[in-house]
Amino acid sequence: MKRTERIGAIIRILSVNPNKLYPLSYFCDLFQAAKSSVSEDIQAAKQILERIDNGQIETTAGAGGGVKLIPYISDKDAAALLNQICEKLRDNNRILGSGFLYTSDIMFDSNIIKRAGEIFARRFMDQNADYVVTIETKGIPIALMTSHMLNLPLVVIRRESKISEGSTVSINYISGTSERIQKMSLSKRSVTPRTKAIIIDDFMRAGGSVKGIIEILSEFEIEIVGTGVVIASTEPQKKKISDYFPLIHLGSVDENNRKVDVSPNSLIFCKNNL
């Protein structure tokens, strides 16, 4: 293979498997090339991605070392994504009544959730989590993309236990929206006690579901090292949880005038927040 072909192949392989560590010998065997040549190829690939602001290639030395791609979304691209989501949410045809909006098309749009997953991955990259956790159903796509970017397993908490899950732990929790008692369950085989998790969800109003997730994970002594939601309602102001990272703030939904008040979370562009 020519050098340009090897560089292109390295970028492709690392990009589709973010945060996966490849030993240098993997590329040496793949290209039938010397380590010195592959090292030069990796350095060239690193410079290309840095120049276009589209990811960072990280290399580590030693017997357990190798090369991996750290996914990255620039402030400019993140801002464009949040503005795109807000523009979609302002469509008055989304108003369903009682302050609810139709969001399924957004949460299942592969292009949107891929870039949203990159934002969450950038935010929680250094938390050393062992899992990404969500609750079914609409939170699954964004949580799956975030877990892919971080190269972590995805754990899905169910509303109702399934026989295919084996033995489970179940809890009752109070919904933040309706203040009704609801149930969630988690398979005992899906997590390891005394590990760390990131919670990702699509929407949060009062935080009841997220609080329920925290409570069920506490049954396994799992530490929560980050919580991200795509859309967070500004009301009620007092949530059942205090530490969370929203992409979009949803204000009032005026059914009479058919207006939706929605805005990006500008704080994500602060140095310490993203």
C-alpha atoms as a PDB file:
ATOM      1  CA  MET A   1       0.000   0.000   0.000  1.00  0.00           C
ATOM      2  CA  LYS A   2       1.102   3.536  -0.701  1.00  0.00           C
ATOM      3  CA  ARG A   3       1.708   5.821   2.273  1.00  0.00           C
ATOM      4  CA  THR A   4      -1.382   7.912   1.517  1.00  0.00           C
ATOM      5  CA  GLU A   5      -3.474   4.732   1.433  1.00  0.00           C
ATOM      6  CA  ARG A   6      -2.090   3.597   4.778  1.00  0.00           C
ATOM      7  CA  ILE A   7      -2.829   6.990   6.362  1.00  0.00           C
ATOM      8  CA  GLY A   8      -6.394   6.915   5.026  1.00  0.00           C
ATOM      9  CA  ALA A   9      -6.893   3.375   6.339  1.00  0.00           C
ATOM     10  CA  ILE A  10      -5.571   4.336   9.802  1.00  0.00           C
ATOM     11  CA  ILE A  11      -7.953   7.303  10.029  1.00  0.00           C
ATOM     12  CA  ARG A  12     -10.870   5.151   8.903  1.00  0.00           C
ATOM     13  CA  ILE A  13     -10.184   2.297  11.334  1.00  0.00           C
ATOM     14  CA  LEU A  14      -9.664   4.579  14.318  1.00  0.00           C
ATOM     15  CA  SER A  15     -12.683   6.757  13.459  1.00  0.00           C
ATOM     16  CA  VAL A  16     -15.198   3.910  13.344  1.00  0.00           C
ATOM     17  CA  ASN A  17     -13.846   2.517  16.627  1.00  0.00           C
ATOM     18  CA  PRO A  18     -13.319   5.584  18.829  1.00  0.00           C
ATOM     19  CA  ASN A  19     -11.466   5.127  22.124  1.00  0.00           C
ATOM     20  CA  LYS A  20     -10.459   1.586  21.159  1.00  0.00           C
ATOM     21  CA  LEU A  21      -6.751   1.009  21.747  1.00  0.00           C
ATOM     22  CA  TYR A  22      -4.924  -0.646  18.853  1.00  0.00           C
ATOM     23  CA  PRO A  23      -1.380  -1.957  19.381  1.00  0.00           C
ATOM     24  CA  LEU A  24       1.124  -0.677  16.849  1.00  0.00           C
ATOM     25  CA  SER A  25       1.701  -4.264  15.749  1.00  0.00           C
ATOM     26  CA  TYR A  26      -1.903  -4.404  14.485  1.00  0.00           C
ATOM     27  CA  PHE A  27      -1.146  -1.858  11.767  1.00  0.00           C
ATOM     28  CA  CYS A  28       2.282  -3.346  11.092  1.00  0.00           C
ATOM     29  CA  ASP A  29       0.697  -6.716  10.377  1.00  0.00           C
ATOM     30  CA  LEU A  30      -2.183  -5.169   8.429  1.00  0.00           C
ATOM     31  CA  PHE A  31       0.088  -3.172   6.118  1.00  0.00           C
ATOM     32  CA  GLN A  32       3.080  -5.517   6.222  1.00  0.00           C
ATOM     33  CA  ALA A  33       5.154  -2.464   7.127  1.00  0.00           C
ATOM     34  CA  ALA A  34       7.919  -1.640   9.596  1.00  0.00           C
ATOM     35  CA  LYS A  35       7.102   0.022  12.932  1.00  0.00           C
ATOM     36  CA  SER A  36       9.024   3.131  11.924  1.00  0.00           C
ATOM     37  CA  SER A  37       6.886   3.537   8.792  1.00  0.00           C
ATOM     38  CA  VAL A  38       3.634   2.970  10.672  1.00  0.00           C
ATOM     39  CA  SER A  39       4.681   5.456  13.365  1.00  0.00           C
ATOM     40  CA  GLU A  40       5.226   8.089  10.687  1.00  0.00           C
ATOM     41  CA  ASP A  41       1.830   7.268   9.155  1.00  0.00           C
ATOM     42  CA  ILE A  42       0.121   7.661  12.536  1.00  0.00           C
ATOM     43  CA  GLN A  43       1.818  11.005  13.110  1.00  0.00           C
ATOM     44  CA  ALA A  44       0.632  12.205   9.699  1.00  0.00           C
ATOM     45  CA  ALA A  45      -2.931  11.018  10.443  1.00  0.00           C
ATOM     46  CA  LYS A  46      -2.801  12.836  13.780  1.00  0.00           C
ATOM     47  CA  GLN A  47      -1.805  16.103  12.119  1.00  0.00           C
ATOM     48  CA  ILE A  48      -4.567  15.782   9.515  1.00  0.00           C
ATOM     49  CA  LEU A  49      -7.316  15.301  12.110  1.00  0.00           C
ATOM     50  CA  GLU A  50      -6.005  18.146  14.272  1.00  0.00           C
ATOM     51  CA  ARG A  51      -5.893  20.430  11.238  1.00  0.00           C
ATOM     52  CA  ILE A  52      -9.553  19.816  10.412  1.00  0.00           C
ATOM     53  CA  ASP A  53     -10.573  19.794  14.111  1.00  0.00           C
ATOM     54  CA  ASN A  54     -12.174  16.372  13.820  1.00  0.00           C
ATOM     55  CA  GLY A  55     -10.701  14.169  16.547  1.00  0.00           C
ATOM     56  CA  GLN A  56      -7.425  13.574  18.322  1.00  0.00           C
ATOM     57  CA  ILE A  57      -5.171  10.563  17.864  1.00  0.00           C
ATOM     58  CA  GLU A  58      -3.479   9.582  21.102  1.00  0.00           C
ATOM     59  CA  THR A  59      -0.498   7.242  21.368  1.00  0.00           C
ATOM     60  CA  THR A  60       0.835   5.518  24.475  1.00  0.00           C
ATOM     61  CA  ALA A  61       4.171   3.768  24.835  1.00  0.00           C
ATOM     62  CA  GLY A  62       5.016   0.510  26.563  1.00  0.00           C
ATOM     63  CA  ALA A  63       3.902  -3.104  26.405  1.00  0.00           C
ATOM     64  CA  GLY A  64       0.255  -2.168  26.970  1.00  0.00           C
ATOM     65  CA  GLY A  65       0.393   0.884  24.746  1.00  0.00           C
ATOM     66  CA  GLY A  66      -0.944   1.621  21.318  1.00  0.00           C
ATOM     67  CA  VAL A  67      -2.948   4.174  19.415  1.00  0.00           C
ATOM     68  CA  LYS A  68      -6.571   5.304  19.663  1.00  0.00           C
ATOM     69  CA  LEU A  69      -8.798   8.113  18.448  1.00  0.00           C
ATOM     70  CA  ILE A  70     -10.401  10.464  20.952  1.00  0.00           C
ATOM     71  CA  PRO A  71     -13.666  11.697  19.369  1.00  0.00           C
ATOM     72  CA  TYR A  72     -14.008  15.446  19.335  1.00  0.00           C
ATOM     73  CA  ILE A  73     -16.605  17.985  18.263  1.00  0.00           C
ATOM     74  CA  SER A  74     -15.566  21.616  17.943  1.00  0.00           C
ATOM     75  CA  ASP A  75     -17.394  24.465  19.661  1.00  0.00           C
ATOM     76  CA  LYS A  76     -18.514  25.671  16.238  1.00  0.00           C
ATOM     77  CA  ASP A  77     -20.012  22.324  15.236  1.00  0.00           C
ATOM     78  CA  ALA A  78     -21.586  21.842  18.674  1.00  0.00           C
ATOM     79  CA  ALA A  79     -23.223  25.268  18.484  1.00  0.00           C
ATOM     80  CA  ALA A  80     -24.543  24.505  14.990  1.00  0.00           C
ATOM     81  CA  LEU A  81     -26.058  21.237  16.256  1.00  0.00           C
ATOM     82  CA  LEU A  82     -27.786  22.862  19.241  1.00  0.00           C
ATOM     83  CA  ASN A  83     -29.186  25.623  17.043  1.00  0.00           C
ATOM     84  CA  GLN A  84     -30.466  22.998  14.620  1.00  0.00           C
ATOM     85  CA  ILE A  85     -32.252  21.129  17.434  1.00  0.00           C
ATOM     86  CA  CYS A  86     -33.740  24.363  18.774  1.00  0.00           C
ATOM     87  CA  GLU A  87     -34.999  25.328  15.330  1.00  0.00           C
ATOM     88  CA  LYS A  88     -36.726  21.978  14.998  1.00  0.00           C
ATOM     89  CA  LEU A  89     -38.271  22.255  18.460  1.00  0.00           C
ATOM     90  CA  ARG A  90     -39.692  25.711  17.686  1.00  0.00           C
ATOM     91  CA  ASP A  91     -41.962  24.183  15.048  1.00  0.00           C
ATOM     92  CA  ASN A  92     -45.426  24.758  16.544  1.00  0.00           C
ATOM     93  CA  ASN A  93     -46.704  21.544  14.981  1.00  0.00           C
ATOM     94  CA  ARG A  94     -44.760  19.714  17.689  1.00  0.00           C
ATOM     95  CA  ILE A  95     -47.025  20.973  20.471  1.00  0.00           C
ATOM     96  CA  LEU A  96     -48.978  18.025  21.865  1.00  0.00           C
ATOM     97  CA  GLY A  97     -50.706  19.747  24.775  1.00  0.00           C
ATOM     98  CA  SER A  98     -50.031  19.981  28.512  1.00  0.00           C
ATOM     99  CA  GLY A  99     -46.579  21.383  27.799  1.00  0.00           C
ATOM    100  CA  PHE A 100     -45.381  18.335  25.865  1.00  0.00           C
ATOM    101  CA  LEU A 101     -43.584  18.326  22.524  1.00  0.00           C
ATOM    102  CA  TYR A 102     -43.171  15.659  19.881  1.00  0.00           C
ATOM    103  CA  THR A 103     -39.439  14.799  19.840  1.00  0.00           C
ATOM    104  CA  SER A 104     -39.248  11.227  18.560  1.00  0.00           C
ATOM    105  CA  ASP A 105     -38.005  12.220  15.106  1.00  0.00           C
ATOM    106  CA  ILE A 106     -35.150  14.189  16.694  1.00  0.00           C
ATOM    107  CA  MET A 107     -34.159  11.472  19.165  1.00  0.00           C
ATOM    108  CA  PHE A 108     -34.110   8.860  16.398  1.00  0.00           C
ATOM    109  CA  ASP A 109     -32.288  11.011  13.820  1.00  0.00           C
ATOM    110  CA  SER A 110     -28.938   9.234  13.410  1.00  0.00           C
ATOM    111  CA  ASN A 111     -27.078  12.381  12.301  1.00  0.00           C
ATOM    112  CA  ILE A 112     -28.312  14.444  15.250  1.00  0.00           C
ATOM    113  CA  ILE A 113     -27.709  11.822  17.905  1.00  0.00           C
ATOM    114  CA  LYS A 114     -24.237  11.035  16.552  1.00  0.00           C
ATOM    115  CA  ARG A 115     -23.122  14.629  17.061  1.00  0.00           C
ATOM    116  CA  ALA A 116     -24.985  14.923  20.363  1.00  0.00           C
ATOM    117  CA  GLY A 117     -23.161  11.783  21.467  1.00  0.00           C
ATOM    118  CA  GLU A 118     -19.885  13.471  20.564  1.00  0.00           C
ATOM    119  CA  ILE A 119     -20.778  16.401  22.830  1.00  0.00           C
ATOM    120  CA  PHE A 120     -21.538  14.087  25.750  1.00  0.00           C
ATOM    121  CA  ALA A 121     -18.393  12.066  25.047  1.00  0.00           C
ATOM    122  CA  ARG A 122     -16.313  15.233  25.075  1.00  0.00           C
ATOM    123  CA  ARG A 123     -17.940  16.311  28.329  1.00  0.00           C
ATOM    124  CA  PHE A 124     -17.499  12.984  30.167  1.00  0.00           C
ATOM    125  CA  MET A 125     -14.287  11.723  28.545  1.00  0.00           C
ATOM    126  CA  ASP A 126     -12.162  11.945  31.678  1.00  0.00           C
ATOM    127  CA  GLN A 127     -14.641  10.461  34.163  1.00  0.00           C
ATOM    128  CA  ASN A 128     -13.241   6.897  33.903  1.00  0.00           C
ATOM    129  CA  ALA A 129     -16.731   5.414  33.719  1.00  0.00           C
ATOM    130  CA  ASP A 130     -17.394   1.702  33.270  1.00  0.00           C
ATOM    131  CA  TYR A 131     -20.896   2.009  31.769  1.00  0.00           C
ATOM    132  CA  VAL A 132     -23.312   4.364  30.080  1.00  0.00           C
ATOM    133  CA  VAL A 133     -26.782   3.865  31.562  1.00  0.00           C
ATOM    134  CA  THR A 134     -30.217   4.930  30.315  1.00  0.00           C
ATOM    135  CA  ILE A 135     -33.860   3.963  30.742  1.00  0.00           C
ATOM    136  CA  GLU A 136     -35.986   2.740  27.862  1.00  0.00           C
ATOM    137  CA  THR A 137     -37.108   3.942  25.336  1.00  0.00           C
ATOM    138  CA  LYS A 138     -36.303   7.265  23.619  1.00  0.00           C
ATOM    139  CA  GLY A 139     -33.059   7.711  25.544  1.00  0.00           C
ATOM    140  CA  ILE A 140     -31.554   4.551  24.053  1.00  0.00           C
ATOM    141  CA  PRO A 141     -30.261   6.005  20.735  1.00  0.00           C
ATOM    142  CA  ILE A 142     -28.380   8.934  22.292  1.00  0.00           C
ATOM    143  CA  ALA A 143     -27.054   6.745  25.119  1.00  0.00           C
ATOM    144  CA  LEU A 144     -25.920   4.123  22.593  1.00  0.00           C
ATOM    145  CA  MET A 145     -24.071   6.723  20.528  1.00  0.00           C
ATOM    146  CA  THR A 146     -22.431   8.155  23.649  1.00  0.00           C
ATOM    147  CA  SER A 147     -21.344   4.688  24.758  1.00  0.00           C
ATOM    148  CA  HIS A 148     -19.931   4.030  21.282  1.00  0.00           C
ATOM    149  CA  MET A 149     -17.900   7.255  21.374  1.00  0.00           C
ATOM    150  CA  LEU A 150     -16.545   6.372  24.824  1.00  0.00           C
ATOM    151  CA  ASN A 151     -16.064   2.673  23.960  1.00  0.00           C
ATOM    152  CA  LEU A 152     -18.175   1.649  26.956  1.00  0.00           C
ATOM    153  CA  PRO A 153     -20.974  -0.910  27.400  1.00  0.00           C
ATOM    154  CA  LEU A 154     -24.537   0.401  27.343  1.00  0.00           C
ATOM    155  CA  VAL A 155     -26.883  -0.656  30.155  1.00  0.00           C
ATOM    156  CA  VAL A 156     -30.626  -0.187  29.604  1.00  0.00           C
ATOM    157  CA  ILE A 157     -32.932  -0.065  32.615  1.00  0.00           C
ATOM    158  CA  ARG A 158     -36.389  -1.421  31.859  1.00  0.00           C
ATOM    159  CA  ARG A 159     -39.794  -0.159  32.924  1.00  0.00           C
ATOM    160  CA  GLU A 160     -40.904  -3.759  33.394  1.00  0.00           C
ATOM    161  CA  SER A 161     -38.687  -6.763  34.056  1.00  0.00           C
ATOM    162  CA  LYS A 162     -38.364  -9.339  31.252  1.00  0.00           C
ATOM    163  CA  ILE A 163     -37.843 -13.071  31.654  1.00  0.00           C
ATOM    164  CA  SER A 164     -34.936 -12.841  29.214  1.00  0.00           C
ATOM    165  CA  GLU A 165     -33.111 -10.539  31.676  1.00  0.00           C
ATOM    166  CA  GLY A 166     -32.746 -13.241  34.327  1.00  0.00           C
ATOM    167  CA  SER A 167     -32.877 -12.172  37.969  1.00  0.00           C
ATOM    168  CA  THR A 168     -33.429  -8.438  38.416  1.00  0.00           C
ATOM    169  CA  VAL A 169     -33.494  -5.696  41.005  1.00  0.00           C
ATOM    170  CA  SER A 170     -36.634  -3.543  40.892  1.00  0.00           C
ATOM    171  CA  ILE A 171     -37.550  -0.304  42.639  1.00  0.00           C
ATOM    172  CA  ASN A 172     -40.513   2.035  42.756  1.00  0.00           C
ATOM    173  CA  TYR A 173     -39.873   5.703  42.096  1.00  0.00           C
ATOM    174  CA  ILE A 174     -41.956   8.867  41.895  1.00  0.00           C
ATOM    175  CA  SER A 175     -42.257  10.348  38.415  1.00  0.00           C
ATOM    176  CA  GLY A 176     -41.163  13.974  38.309  1.00  0.00           C
ATOM    177  CA  THR A 177     -43.849  14.807  35.745  1.00  0.00           C
ATOM    178  CA  SER A 178     -46.991  13.227  37.143  1.00  0.00           C
ATOM    179  CA  GLU A 179     -45.849  12.490  40.701  1.00  0.00           C
ATOM    180  CA  ARG A 180     -47.133   8.947  40.195  1.00  0.00           C
ATOM    181  CA  ILE A 181     -45.374   5.875  41.518  1.00  0.00           C
ATOM    182  CA  GLN A 182     -43.689   3.968  38.693  1.00  0.00           C
ATOM    183  CA  LYS A 183     -41.379   0.982  38.483  1.00  0.00           C
ATOM    184  CA  MET A 184     -37.996   0.262  36.926  1.00  0.00           C
ATOM    185  CA  SER A 185     -35.852  -2.866  36.924  1.00  0.00           C
ATOM    186  CA  LEU A 186     -32.235  -3.761  36.199  1.00  0.00           C
ATOM    187  CA  SER A 187     -30.765  -7.166  35.425  1.00  0.00           C
ATOM    188  CA  LYS A 188     -28.199  -8.290  37.999  1.00  0.00           C
ATOM    189  CA  ARG A 189     -26.003  -9.552  35.171  1.00  0.00           C
ATOM    190  CA  SER A 190     -25.796  -6.194  33.420  1.00  0.00           C
ATOM    191  CA  VAL A 191     -23.504  -4.390  35.895  1.00  0.00           C
ATOM    192  CA  THR A 192     -20.695  -5.103  38.322  1.00  0.00           C
ATOM    193  CA  PRO A 193     -20.974  -3.741  41.856  1.00  0.00           C
ATOM    194  CA  ARG A 194     -18.776  -0.817  42.960  1.00  0.00           C
ATOM    195  CA  THR A 195     -18.119   0.503  39.458  1.00  0.00           C
ATOM    196  CA  LYS A 196     -18.814   3.889  37.810  1.00  0.00           C
ATOM    197  CA  ALA A 197     -21.557   4.976  35.429  1.00  0.00           C
ATOM    198  CA  ILE A 198     -22.655   7.889  33.259  1.00  0.00           C
ATOM    199  CA  ILE A 199     -26.410   8.464  32.936  1.00  0.00           C
ATOM    200  CA  ILE A 200     -27.723   9.689  29.568  1.00  0.00           C
ATOM    201  CA  ASP A 201     -31.385  10.472  28.851  1.00  0.00           C
ATOM    202  CA  ASP A 202     -33.401  12.265  26.195  1.00  0.00           C
ATOM    203  CA  PHE A 203     -35.628  14.530  28.319  1.00  0.00           C
ATOM    204  CA  MET A 204     -35.894  15.708  31.895  1.00  0.00           C
ATOM    205  CA  ARG A 205     -38.674  17.722  33.462  1.00  0.00           C
ATOM    206  CA  ALA A 206     -38.379  17.376  37.243  1.00  0.00           C
ATOM    207  CA  GLY A 207     -35.732  14.664  37.310  1.00  0.00           C
ATOM    208  CA  GLY A 208     -37.814  11.823  38.743  1.00  0.00           C
ATOM    209  CA  SER A 209     -36.646   9.207  36.240  1.00  0.00           C
ATOM    210  CA  VAL A 210     -32.985  10.158  36.599  1.00  0.00           C
ATOM    211  CA  LYS A 211     -33.307  10.080  40.379  1.00  0.00           C
ATOM    212  CA  GLY A 212     -34.841   6.618  40.039  1.00  0.00           C
ATOM    213  CA  ILE A 213     -31.874   5.493  37.925  1.00  0.00           C
ATOM    214  CA  ILE A 214     -29.481   6.800  40.578  1.00  0.00           C
ATOM    215  CA  GLU A 215     -31.393   4.932  43.275  1.00  0.00           C
ATOM    216  CA  ILE A 216     -31.460   1.600  41.434  1.00  0.00           C
ATOM    217  CA  LEU A 217     -27.733   1.869  40.642  1.00  0.00           C
ATOM    218  CA  SER A 218     -27.057   2.575  44.304  1.00  0.00           C
ATOM    219  CA  GLU A 219     -28.349  -0.945  44.998  1.00  0.00           C
ATOM    220  CA  PHE A 220     -25.148  -2.074  43.263  1.00  0.00           C
ATOM    221  CA  GLU A 221     -23.003   0.620  44.937  1.00  0.00           C
ATOM    222  CA  ILE A 222     -22.358   2.189  41.527  1.00  0.00           C
ATOM    223  CA  GLU A 223     -20.944   5.705  41.561  1.00  0.00           C
ATOM    224  CA  ILE A 224     -22.541   8.229  39.183  1.00  0.00           C
ATOM    225  CA  VAL A 225     -19.757  10.253  37.545  1.00  0.00           C
ATOM    226  CA  GLY A 226     -21.891  12.229  35.087  1.00  0.00           C
ATOM    227  CA  THR A 227     -25.470  12.848  33.982  1.00  0.00           C
ATOM    228  CA  GLY A 228     -26.367  14.202  30.544  1.00  0.00           C
ATOM    229  CA  VAL A 229     -29.773  14.993  29.056  1.00  0.00           C
ATOM    230  CA  VAL A 230     -30.586  16.282  25.603  1.00  0.00           C
ATOM    231  CA  ILE A 231     -33.504  18.502  26.668  1.00  0.00           C
ATOM    232  CA  ALA A 232     -34.157  19.805  30.181  1.00  0.00           C
ATOM    233  CA  SER A 233     -37.281  21.749  31.080  1.00  0.00           C
ATOM    234  CA  THR A 234     -36.719  24.976  32.992  1.00  0.00           C
ATOM    235  CA  GLU A 235     -39.836  24.233  35.066  1.00  0.00           C
ATOM    236  CA  PRO A 236     -39.989  23.222  37.774  1.00  0.00           C
ATOM    237  CA  GLN A 237     -36.893  25.124  38.821  1.00  0.00           C
ATOM    238  CA  LYS A 238     -36.281  22.766  41.738  1.00  0.00           C
ATOM    239  CA  LYS A 239     -35.344  19.373  40.306  1.00  0.00           C
ATOM    240  CA  LYS A 240     -35.098  16.064  42.105  1.00  0.00           C
ATOM    241  CA  ILE A 241     -31.408  16.055  41.120  1.00  0.00           C
ATOM    242  CA  SER A 242     -28.940  18.943  41.061  1.00  0.00           C
ATOM    243  CA  ASP A 243     -25.932  17.784  39.052  1.00  0.00           C
ATOM    244  CA  TYR A 244     -26.765  17.321  35.372  1.00  0.00           C
ATOM    245  CA  PHE A 245     -25.542  18.504  31.978  1.00  0.00           C
ATOM    246  CA  PRO A 246     -28.287  19.540  29.492  1.00  0.00           C
ATOM    247  CA  LEU A 247     -27.808  20.419  25.831  1.00  0.00           C
ATOM    248  CA  ILE A 248     -31.082  22.304  25.416  1.00  0.00           C
ATOM    249  CA  HIS A 249     -33.230  24.316  27.838  1.00  0.00           C
ATOM    250  CA  LEU A 250     -36.981  24.061  27.222  1.00  0.00           C
ATOM    251  CA  GLY A 251     -38.970  26.995  28.609  1.00  0.00           C
ATOM    252  CA  SER A 252     -42.676  27.660  28.188  1.00  0.00           C
ATOM    253  CA  VAL A 253     -44.841  25.903  25.638  1.00  0.00           C
ATOM    254  CA  ASP A 254     -47.625  28.345  24.761  1.00  0.00           C
ATOM    255  CA  GLU A 255     -50.466  26.288  23.323  1.00  0.00           C
ATOM    256  CA  ASN A 256     -52.695  29.300  22.651  1.00  0.00           C
ATOM    257  CA  ASN A 257     -50.135  31.291  20.662  1.00  0.00           C
ATOM    258  CA  ARG A 258     -48.413  28.166  19.343  1.00  0.00           C
ATOM    259  CA  LYS A 259     -44.966  29.243  20.551  1.00  0.00           C
ATOM    260  CA  VAL A 260     -42.150  27.181  22.024  1.00  0.00           C
ATOM    261  CA  ASP A 261     -39.459  28.846  24.137  1.00  0.00           C
ATOM    262  CA  VAL A 262     -36.254  26.870  23.714  1.00  0.00           C
ATOM    263  CA  SER A 263     -32.555  27.768  23.823  1.00  0.00           C
ATOM    264  CA  PRO A 264     -29.119  26.079  23.753  1.00  0.00           C
ATOM    265  CA  ASN A 265     -27.219  25.631  26.988  1.00  0.00           C
ATOM    266  CA  SER A 266     -24.566  28.294  26.450  1.00  0.00           C
ATOM    267  CA  LEU A 267     -22.557  27.055  29.432  1.00  0.00           C
ATOM    268  CA  ILE A 268     -21.424  23.974  27.538  1.00  0.00           C
ATOM    269  CA  PHE A 269     -18.976  26.195  25.668  1.00  0.00           C
ATOM    270  CA  CYS A 270     -17.244  27.296  28.860  1.00  0.00           C
ATOM    271  CA  LYS A 271     -13.799  25.786  29.300  1.00  0.00           C
ATOM    272  CA  ASN A 272     -14.751  23.855  32.421  1.00  0.00           C
ATOM    273  CA  ASN A 273     -18.034  22.541  31.038  1.00  0.00           C
ATOM    274  CA  LEU A 274     -17.185  21.030  27.683  1.00  0.00           C
END
